[in-house]
Amino acid sequence: MELIKKIKQTEAQAQEIIEQAKADAAGRAEKLREDHRRNLEQAEKERKKAVEAAVAEAQSQGLAEAEQLKAQAEKDRRKLRDKANARMAGAAAKVMDYLRG
């Protein structure tokens, strides 16, 4: 009788240990899921920050390049205008010389 009682008591303790182990495992799994979710959120924030920084850098470089191209275009226009004015003055002088005689 005493042996049956000890066996039942041992079985009950084993069942409690099993239930506790299941609860611990479930708790750890939930903690791991929560940690994973937080890590994903952090990674997403860092990705967004990196994308925003890259976009800002590209925009800054694009604006600088546009300003440089505008300055070069203005320089080229002035050069062409000066060249055309010089030729126009020479051509006008030739026409006047021809008309004079």
N, C-alpha and C. Protein backbone atom coordinates (compact mmCIF):
# COMPACT_ATOMS: atom_id res chain seq x y z
N MET A 1 0.82 -1.18 0.00
CA MET A 1 0.00 0.00 0.00
C MET A 1 0.87 1.25 0.00
N GLU A 2 1.86 1.21 0.87
CA GLU A 2 2.79 2.34 0.97
C GLU A 2 3.52 2.53 -0.34
N LEU A 3 3.87 1.47 -1.01
CA LEU A 3 4.58 1.53 -2.28
C LEU A 3 3.70 2.14 -3.37
N ILE A 4 2.43 1.77 -3.40
CA ILE A 4 1.49 2.33 -4.38
C ILE A 4 1.33 3.83 -4.14
N LYS A 5 1.27 4.20 -2.88
CA LYS A 5 1.14 5.61 -2.53
C LYS A 5 2.36 6.40 -3.02
N LYS A 6 3.56 5.83 -2.83
CA LYS A 6 4.79 6.49 -3.26
C LYS A 6 4.84 6.58 -4.79
N ILE A 7 4.40 5.52 -5.45
CA ILE A 7 4.39 5.53 -6.92
C ILE A 7 3.45 6.62 -7.43
N LYS A 8 2.26 6.72 -6.84
CA LYS A 8 1.30 7.75 -7.26
C LYS A 8 1.85 9.13 -6.96
N GLN A 9 2.49 9.25 -5.81
CA GLN A 9 3.07 10.54 -5.45
C GLN A 9 4.19 10.90 -6.43
N THR A 10 5.00 9.94 -6.77
CA THR A 10 6.09 10.16 -7.72
C THR A 10 5.53 10.50 -9.10
N GLU A 11 4.47 9.81 -9.49
CA GLU A 11 3.82 10.12 -10.78
C GLU A 11 3.27 11.54 -10.77
N ALA A 12 2.67 11.94 -9.67
CA ALA A 12 2.13 13.29 -9.56
C ALA A 12 3.26 14.32 -9.64
N GLN A 13 4.37 14.02 -8.96
CA GLN A 13 5.52 14.93 -9.03
C GLN A 13 6.07 14.99 -10.46
N ALA A 14 6.14 13.85 -11.10
CA ALA A 14 6.64 13.81 -12.47
C ALA A 14 5.72 14.62 -13.38
N GLN A 15 4.43 14.49 -13.17
CA GLN A 15 3.46 15.25 -13.98
C GLN A 15 3.63 16.75 -13.73
N GLU A 16 3.85 17.14 -12.47
CA GLU A 16 4.08 18.55 -12.15
C GLU A 16 5.34 19.06 -12.83
N ILE A 17 6.38 18.22 -12.81
CA ILE A 17 7.64 18.59 -13.46
C ILE A 17 7.42 18.77 -14.96
N ILE A 18 6.68 17.86 -15.54
CA ILE A 18 6.38 17.94 -16.98
C ILE A 18 5.59 19.22 -17.27
N GLU A 19 4.58 19.49 -16.50
CA GLU A 19 3.76 20.70 -16.70
C GLU A 19 4.61 21.96 -16.53
N GLN A 20 5.48 21.95 -15.50
CA GLN A 20 6.36 23.09 -15.28
C GLN A 20 7.31 23.27 -16.46
N ALA A 21 7.85 22.15 -16.97
CA ALA A 21 8.76 22.21 -18.12
C ALA A 21 8.04 22.75 -19.35
N LYS A 22 6.77 22.32 -19.55
CA LYS A 22 5.99 22.83 -20.67
C LYS A 22 5.76 24.33 -20.52
N ALA A 23 5.42 24.76 -19.31
CA ALA A 23 5.19 26.18 -19.06
C ALA A 23 6.47 26.98 -19.29
N ASP A 24 7.60 26.45 -18.81
CA ASP A 24 8.89 27.12 -19.02
C ASP A 24 9.21 27.21 -20.51
N ALA A 25 9.00 26.11 -21.21
CA ALA A 25 9.28 26.09 -22.66
C ALA A 25 8.38 27.08 -23.39
N ALA A 26 7.12 27.12 -23.00
CA ALA A 26 6.20 28.08 -23.63
C ALA A 26 6.63 29.52 -23.33
N GLY A 27 7.04 29.76 -22.10
CA GLY A 27 7.52 31.09 -21.72
C GLY A 27 8.76 31.49 -22.50
N ARG A 28 9.70 30.54 -22.63
CA ARG A 28 10.92 30.83 -23.40
C ARG A 28 10.59 31.07 -24.87
N ALA A 29 9.70 30.25 -25.40
CA ALA A 29 9.31 30.43 -26.81
C ALA A 29 8.68 31.79 -27.02
N GLU A 30 7.81 32.20 -26.11
CA GLU A 30 7.16 33.51 -26.20
C GLU A 30 8.20 34.63 -26.11
N LYS A 31 9.16 34.47 -25.20
CA LYS A 31 10.22 35.47 -25.06
C LYS A 31 11.05 35.54 -26.33
N LEU A 32 11.37 34.40 -26.91
CA LEU A 32 12.14 34.37 -28.16
C LEU A 32 11.37 35.05 -29.29
N ARG A 33 10.06 34.78 -29.36
CA ARG A 33 9.23 35.42 -30.39
C ARG A 33 9.22 36.93 -30.20
N GLU A 34 9.10 37.37 -28.95
CA GLU A 34 9.09 38.81 -28.65
C GLU A 34 10.44 39.44 -28.99
N ASP A 35 11.52 38.76 -28.64
CA ASP A 35 12.86 39.26 -28.98
C ASP A 35 13.04 39.34 -30.49
N HIS A 36 12.56 38.32 -31.18
CA HIS A 36 12.66 38.29 -32.65
C HIS A 36 11.86 39.45 -33.25
N ARG A 37 10.67 39.68 -32.73
CA ARG A 37 9.83 40.78 -33.23
C ARG A 37 10.53 42.13 -33.01
N ARG A 38 11.10 42.29 -31.81
CA ARG A 38 11.81 43.55 -31.51
C ARG A 38 13.02 43.73 -32.42
N ASN A 39 13.74 42.62 -32.66
CA ASN A 39 14.90 42.69 -33.55
C ASN A 39 14.47 43.06 -34.97
N LEU A 40 13.36 42.49 -35.42
CA LEU A 40 12.85 42.84 -36.75
C LEU A 40 12.46 44.31 -36.82
N GLU A 41 11.81 44.81 -35.79
CA GLU A 41 11.42 46.22 -35.76
C GLU A 41 12.66 47.11 -35.79
N GLN A 42 13.65 46.75 -35.01
CA GLN A 42 14.89 47.53 -34.98
C GLN A 42 15.58 47.50 -36.35
N ALA A 43 15.62 46.33 -36.95
CA ALA A 43 16.25 46.22 -38.27
C ALA A 43 15.49 47.06 -39.30
N GLU A 44 14.18 47.06 -39.22
CA GLU A 44 13.35 47.86 -40.13
C GLU A 44 13.62 49.35 -39.93
N LYS A 45 13.73 49.78 -38.67
CA LYS A 45 14.04 51.19 -38.39
C LYS A 45 15.40 51.56 -38.97
N GLU A 46 16.38 50.69 -38.76
CA GLU A 46 17.72 50.96 -39.27
C GLU A 46 17.73 50.97 -40.80
N ARG A 47 16.96 50.08 -41.42
CA ARG A 47 16.88 50.05 -42.88
C ARG A 47 16.27 51.35 -43.39
N LYS A 48 15.18 51.78 -42.76
CA LYS A 48 14.54 53.04 -43.17
C LYS A 48 15.50 54.21 -43.02
N LYS A 49 16.22 54.22 -41.89
CA LYS A 49 17.17 55.30 -41.64
C LYS A 49 18.26 55.30 -42.72
N ALA A 50 18.75 54.12 -43.07
CA ALA A 50 19.80 54.01 -44.09
C ALA A 50 19.27 54.46 -45.45
N VAL A 51 18.03 54.08 -45.77
CA VAL A 51 17.44 54.49 -47.05
C VAL A 51 17.26 56.00 -47.08
N GLU A 52 16.77 56.58 -45.99
CA GLU A 52 16.60 58.04 -45.93
C GLU A 52 17.93 58.76 -46.07
N ALA A 53 18.96 58.23 -45.43
CA ALA A 53 20.29 58.84 -45.53
C ALA A 53 20.82 58.74 -46.97
N ALA A 54 20.61 57.59 -47.60
CA ALA A 54 21.06 57.41 -48.98
C ALA A 54 20.31 58.35 -49.92
N VAL A 55 19.01 58.49 -49.71
CA VAL A 55 18.21 59.39 -50.55
C VAL A 55 18.67 60.83 -50.35
N ALA A 56 18.90 61.22 -49.12
CA ALA A 56 19.36 62.59 -48.84
C ALA A 56 20.72 62.83 -49.49
N GLU A 57 21.61 61.87 -49.39
CA GLU A 57 22.94 62.00 -50.01
C GLU A 57 22.82 62.09 -51.53
N ALA A 58 21.99 61.24 -52.11
CA ALA A 58 21.80 61.27 -53.57
C ALA A 58 21.19 62.59 -54.00
N GLN A 59 20.24 63.09 -53.23
CA GLN A 59 19.61 64.37 -53.56
C GLN A 59 20.64 65.49 -53.49
N SER A 60 21.45 65.47 -52.46
CA SER A 60 22.48 66.49 -52.30
C SER A 60 23.47 66.44 -53.46
N GLN A 61 23.90 65.24 -53.82
CA GLN A 61 24.82 65.09 -54.94
C GLN A 61 24.17 65.51 -56.25
N GLY A 62 22.90 65.18 -56.42
CA GLY A 62 22.18 65.57 -57.63
C GLY A 62 22.06 67.08 -57.75
N LEU A 63 21.75 67.74 -56.65
CA LEU A 63 21.66 69.21 -56.67
C LEU A 63 23.01 69.84 -56.98
N ALA A 64 24.06 69.31 -56.38
CA ALA A 64 25.40 69.84 -56.63
C ALA A 64 25.78 69.64 -58.10
N GLU A 65 25.46 68.47 -58.63
CA GLU A 65 25.77 68.19 -60.04
C GLU A 65 24.95 69.09 -60.96
N ALA A 66 23.69 69.32 -60.61
CA ALA A 66 22.85 70.21 -61.41
C ALA A 66 23.41 71.62 -61.42
N GLU A 67 23.86 72.10 -60.27
CA GLU A 67 24.45 73.44 -60.19
C GLU A 67 25.72 73.52 -61.03
N GLN A 68 26.50 72.47 -60.97
CA GLN A 68 27.74 72.43 -61.75
C GLN A 68 27.42 72.44 -63.25
N LEU A 69 26.42 71.67 -63.65
CA LEU A 69 26.03 71.63 -65.06
C LEU A 69 25.47 72.98 -65.51
N LYS A 70 24.69 73.63 -64.65
CA LYS A 70 24.16 74.96 -64.99
C LYS A 70 25.29 75.96 -65.18
N ALA A 71 26.27 75.92 -64.30
CA ALA A 71 27.41 76.83 -64.40
C ALA A 71 28.20 76.56 -65.68
N GLN A 72 28.38 75.29 -66.02
CA GLN A 72 29.11 74.94 -67.24
C GLN A 72 28.32 75.38 -68.47
N ALA A 73 27.00 75.20 -68.44
CA ALA A 73 26.17 75.61 -69.57
C ALA A 73 26.23 77.13 -69.74
N GLU A 74 26.19 77.87 -68.65
CA GLU A 74 26.29 79.34 -68.73
C GLU A 74 27.63 79.76 -69.31
N LYS A 75 28.68 79.09 -68.88
CA LYS A 75 30.03 79.38 -69.39
C LYS A 75 30.09 79.11 -70.90
N ASP A 76 29.52 77.97 -71.31
CA ASP A 76 29.50 77.62 -72.74
C ASP A 76 28.68 78.63 -73.54
N ARG A 77 27.54 79.08 -72.98
CA ARG A 77 26.71 80.08 -73.67
C ARG A 77 27.47 81.38 -73.87
N ARG A 78 28.15 81.83 -72.82
CA ARG A 78 28.93 83.07 -72.92
C ARG A 78 30.02 82.95 -73.98
N LYS A 79 30.70 81.81 -73.97
CA LYS A 79 31.77 81.56 -74.93
C LYS A 79 31.21 81.61 -76.37
N LEU A 80 30.09 80.93 -76.58
CA LEU A 80 29.46 80.90 -77.90
C LEU A 80 28.99 82.29 -78.31
N ARG A 81 28.41 83.02 -77.35
CA ARG A 81 27.93 84.37 -77.63
C ARG A 81 29.09 85.28 -78.01
N ASP A 82 30.19 85.19 -77.26
CA ASP A 82 31.37 86.01 -77.56
C ASP A 82 31.93 85.66 -78.93
N LYS A 83 31.97 84.38 -79.24
CA LYS A 83 32.49 83.93 -80.54
C LYS A 83 31.59 84.43 -81.66
N ALA A 84 30.26 84.32 -81.45
CA ALA A 84 29.31 84.78 -82.47
C ALA A 84 29.41 86.29 -82.64
N ASN A 85 29.52 87.02 -81.54
CA ASN A 85 29.65 88.48 -81.63
C ASN A 85 30.91 88.88 -82.38
N ALA A 86 32.01 88.18 -82.13
CA ALA A 86 33.26 88.48 -82.82
C ALA A 86 33.12 88.22 -84.32
N ARG A 87 32.50 87.12 -84.68
CA ARG A 87 32.30 86.81 -86.10
C ARG A 87 31.32 87.78 -86.74
N MET A 88 30.29 88.15 -85.96
CA MET A 88 29.30 89.08 -86.49
C MET A 88 29.95 90.44 -86.77
N ALA A 89 30.79 90.85 -85.87
CA ALA A 89 31.48 92.14 -86.07
C ALA A 89 32.37 92.07 -87.30
N GLY A 90 33.07 90.98 -87.46
CA GLY A 90 33.93 90.81 -88.64
C GLY A 90 33.12 90.75 -89.92
N ALA A 91 32.00 90.02 -89.87
CA ALA A 91 31.13 89.91 -91.05
C ALA A 91 30.51 91.26 -91.39
N ALA A 92 30.10 92.01 -90.38
CA ALA A 92 29.51 93.33 -90.61
C ALA A 92 30.55 94.25 -91.23
N ALA A 93 31.79 94.16 -90.75
CA ALA A 93 32.86 94.99 -91.32
C ALA A 93 33.09 94.64 -92.77
N LYS A 94 33.09 93.35 -93.11
CA LYS A 94 33.28 92.93 -94.51
C LYS A 94 32.15 93.44 -95.39
N VAL A 95 30.90 93.34 -94.88
CA VAL A 95 29.75 93.83 -95.65
C VAL A 95 29.88 95.33 -95.87
N MET A 96 30.26 96.06 -94.86
CA MET A 96 30.40 97.51 -94.98
C MET A 96 31.52 97.86 -95.97
N ASP A 97 32.62 97.12 -95.90
CA ASP A 97 33.70 97.34 -96.85
C ASP A 97 33.24 97.06 -98.28
N TYR A 98 32.48 95.99 -98.42
CA TYR A 98 31.97 95.64 -99.76
C TYR A 98 31.03 96.71 -100.27
N LEU A 99 30.14 97.18 -99.39
CA LEU A 99 29.18 98.21 -99.79
C LEU A 99 29.87 99.53 -100.11
N ARG A 100 30.94 99.84 -99.42
CA ARG A 100 31.66 101.09 -99.65
C ARG A 100 32.48 101.04 -100.92
N GLY A 101 32.80 99.90 -101.26
CA GLY A 101 33.42 99.88 -102.43
C GLY A 101 34.47 99.27 -103.04
